[in-house]
Amino acid sequence: MGYKLHTMPISQPARAVMWAMAYEGTEYEAVNAMPGKDTRTPEFMKMSGGIGTVPCLVCDDGFVISESHAIMA
């Protein structure tokens, strides 16, 4: 299990994902990404599919989900 959640705790959608993952008992590594700065780097934009927002969940197999509702579903 190697989930990495690119997040910023002040972001309400990111907090919702963190709460849902805690409720489900899903372990993850939180990677803080400053919106507008870290989320606009070419690496983050490529990883997030061009969306460039938090939260962005990266699974251990390389699968990436970039929308809070999709992550929680």
C-alpha atoms as a PDB file:
ATOM      1  CA  MET A   1       0.000   0.000   0.000  1.00  0.00           C
ATOM      2  CA  GLY A   2       1.579   3.199  -1.092  1.00  0.00           C
ATOM      3  CA  TYR A   3      -1.049   5.936  -1.261  1.00  0.00           C
ATOM      4  CA  LYS A   4       0.260   9.506  -1.471  1.00  0.00           C
ATOM      5  CA  LEU A   5      -2.276  12.243  -0.947  1.00  0.00           C
ATOM      6  CA  HIS A   6      -1.120  15.597  -2.261  1.00  0.00           C
ATOM      7  CA  THR A   7      -3.034  17.961  -0.056  1.00  0.00           C
ATOM      8  CA  MET A   8      -3.234  21.252   1.779  1.00  0.00           C
ATOM      9  CA  PRO A   9      -5.071  20.969   5.117  1.00  0.00           C
ATOM     10  CA  ILE A  10      -6.704  24.393   4.666  1.00  0.00           C
ATOM     11  CA  SER A  11      -8.483  23.088   1.536  1.00  0.00           C
ATOM     12  CA  GLN A  12     -12.010  21.905   2.384  1.00  0.00           C
ATOM     13  CA  PRO A  13     -12.094  19.253  -0.383  1.00  0.00           C
ATOM     14  CA  ALA A  14      -8.699  17.953   0.773  1.00  0.00           C
ATOM     15  CA  ARG A  15      -9.906  17.796   4.394  1.00  0.00           C
ATOM     16  CA  ALA A  16     -12.991  15.860   3.299  1.00  0.00           C
ATOM     17  CA  VAL A  17     -10.763  13.277   1.602  1.00  0.00           C
ATOM     18  CA  MET A  18      -8.499  13.046   4.661  1.00  0.00           C
ATOM     19  CA  TRP A  19     -11.551  12.552   6.913  1.00  0.00           C
ATOM     20  CA  ALA A  20     -12.988   9.875   4.596  1.00  0.00           C
ATOM     21  CA  MET A  21      -9.670   8.033   4.455  1.00  0.00           C
ATOM     22  CA  ALA A  22      -9.357   8.204   8.253  1.00  0.00           C
ATOM     23  CA  TYR A  23     -12.917   6.905   8.654  1.00  0.00           C
ATOM     24  CA  GLU A  24     -12.178   3.976   6.342  1.00  0.00           C
ATOM     25  CA  GLY A  25      -8.831   3.294   8.036  1.00  0.00           C
ATOM     26  CA  THR A  26      -6.888   3.852   4.823  1.00  0.00           C
ATOM     27  CA  GLU A  27      -3.234   4.595   5.444  1.00  0.00           C
ATOM     28  CA  TYR A  28      -1.610   7.239   3.278  1.00  0.00           C
ATOM     29  CA  GLU A  29       1.314   9.619   3.144  1.00  0.00           C
ATOM     30  CA  ALA A  30       0.277  13.271   3.172  1.00  0.00           C
ATOM     31  CA  VAL A  31       2.319  15.458   0.847  1.00  0.00           C
ATOM     32  CA  ASN A  32       1.639  19.161   1.387  1.00  0.00           C
ATOM     33  CA  ALA A  33       1.251  21.061  -1.875  1.00  0.00           C
ATOM     34  CA  MET A  34       0.751  24.827  -1.752  1.00  0.00           C
ATOM     35  CA  PRO A  35      -2.082  25.712  -4.160  1.00  0.00           C
ATOM     36  CA  GLY A  36      -0.983  28.175  -6.822  1.00  0.00           C
ATOM     37  CA  LYS A  37       2.684  27.426  -6.231  1.00  0.00           C
ATOM     38  CA  ASP A  38       3.468  23.716  -5.873  1.00  0.00           C
ATOM     39  CA  THR A  39       0.361  22.739  -7.844  1.00  0.00           C
ATOM     40  CA  ARG A  40       1.459  24.750 -10.883  1.00  0.00           C
ATOM     41  CA  THR A  41       4.814  23.060 -11.425  1.00  0.00           C
ATOM     42  CA  PRO A  42       5.109  21.074 -14.661  1.00  0.00           C
ATOM     43  CA  GLU A  43       5.569  17.854 -12.655  1.00  0.00           C
ATOM     44  CA  PHE A  44       2.378  18.360 -10.611  1.00  0.00           C
ATOM     45  CA  MET A  45       0.375  19.454 -13.658  1.00  0.00           C
ATOM     46  CA  LYS A  46       1.444  16.302 -15.539  1.00  0.00           C
ATOM     47  CA  MET A  47       0.715  14.080 -12.536  1.00  0.00           C
ATOM     48  CA  SER A  48      -2.736  15.604 -11.936  1.00  0.00           C
ATOM     49  CA  GLY A  49      -3.790  15.389 -15.563  1.00  0.00           C
ATOM     50  CA  GLY A  50      -3.524  19.128 -16.087  1.00  0.00           C
ATOM     51  CA  ILE A  51      -6.006  19.995 -13.340  1.00  0.00           C
ATOM     52  CA  GLY A  52      -3.401  21.274 -10.886  1.00  0.00           C
ATOM     53  CA  THR A  53      -5.560  21.208  -7.763  1.00  0.00           C
ATOM     54  CA  VAL A  54      -5.541  19.456  -4.408  1.00  0.00           C
ATOM     55  CA  PRO A  55      -6.430  16.845  -3.374  1.00  0.00           C
ATOM     56  CA  CYS A  56      -4.624  14.527  -5.734  1.00  0.00           C
ATOM     57  CA  LEU A  57      -4.282  10.854  -4.783  1.00  0.00           C
ATOM     58  CA  VAL A  58      -1.445   8.783  -6.258  1.00  0.00           C
ATOM     59  CA  CYS A  59      -1.734   5.026  -5.819  1.00  0.00           C
ATOM     60  CA  ASP A  60       1.243   2.679  -5.567  1.00  0.00           C
ATOM     61  CA  ASP A  61       0.614   1.382  -9.104  1.00  0.00           C
ATOM     62  CA  GLY A  62       0.816   4.919 -10.522  1.00  0.00           C
ATOM     63  CA  PHE A  63      -2.937   5.466 -10.873  1.00  0.00           C
ATOM     64  CA  VAL A  64      -3.872   9.099 -10.094  1.00  0.00           C
ATOM     65  CA  ILE A  65      -7.237  10.585  -9.081  1.00  0.00           C
ATOM     66  CA  SER A  66      -7.501  14.371  -8.895  1.00  0.00           C
ATOM     67  CA  GLU A  67     -11.074  15.130  -7.787  1.00  0.00           C
ATOM     68  CA  SER A  68     -12.195  14.913  -4.168  1.00  0.00           C
ATOM     69  CA  HIS A  69     -15.570  13.351  -5.009  1.00  0.00           C
ATOM     70  CA  ALA A  70     -13.932  10.717  -7.204  1.00  0.00           C
ATOM     71  CA  ILE A  71     -11.366   9.912  -4.517  1.00  0.00           C
ATOM     72  CA  MET A  72     -14.062   9.469  -1.887  1.00  0.00           C
ATOM     73  CA  ALA A  73     -16.195   7.295  -4.175  1.00  0.00           C
END
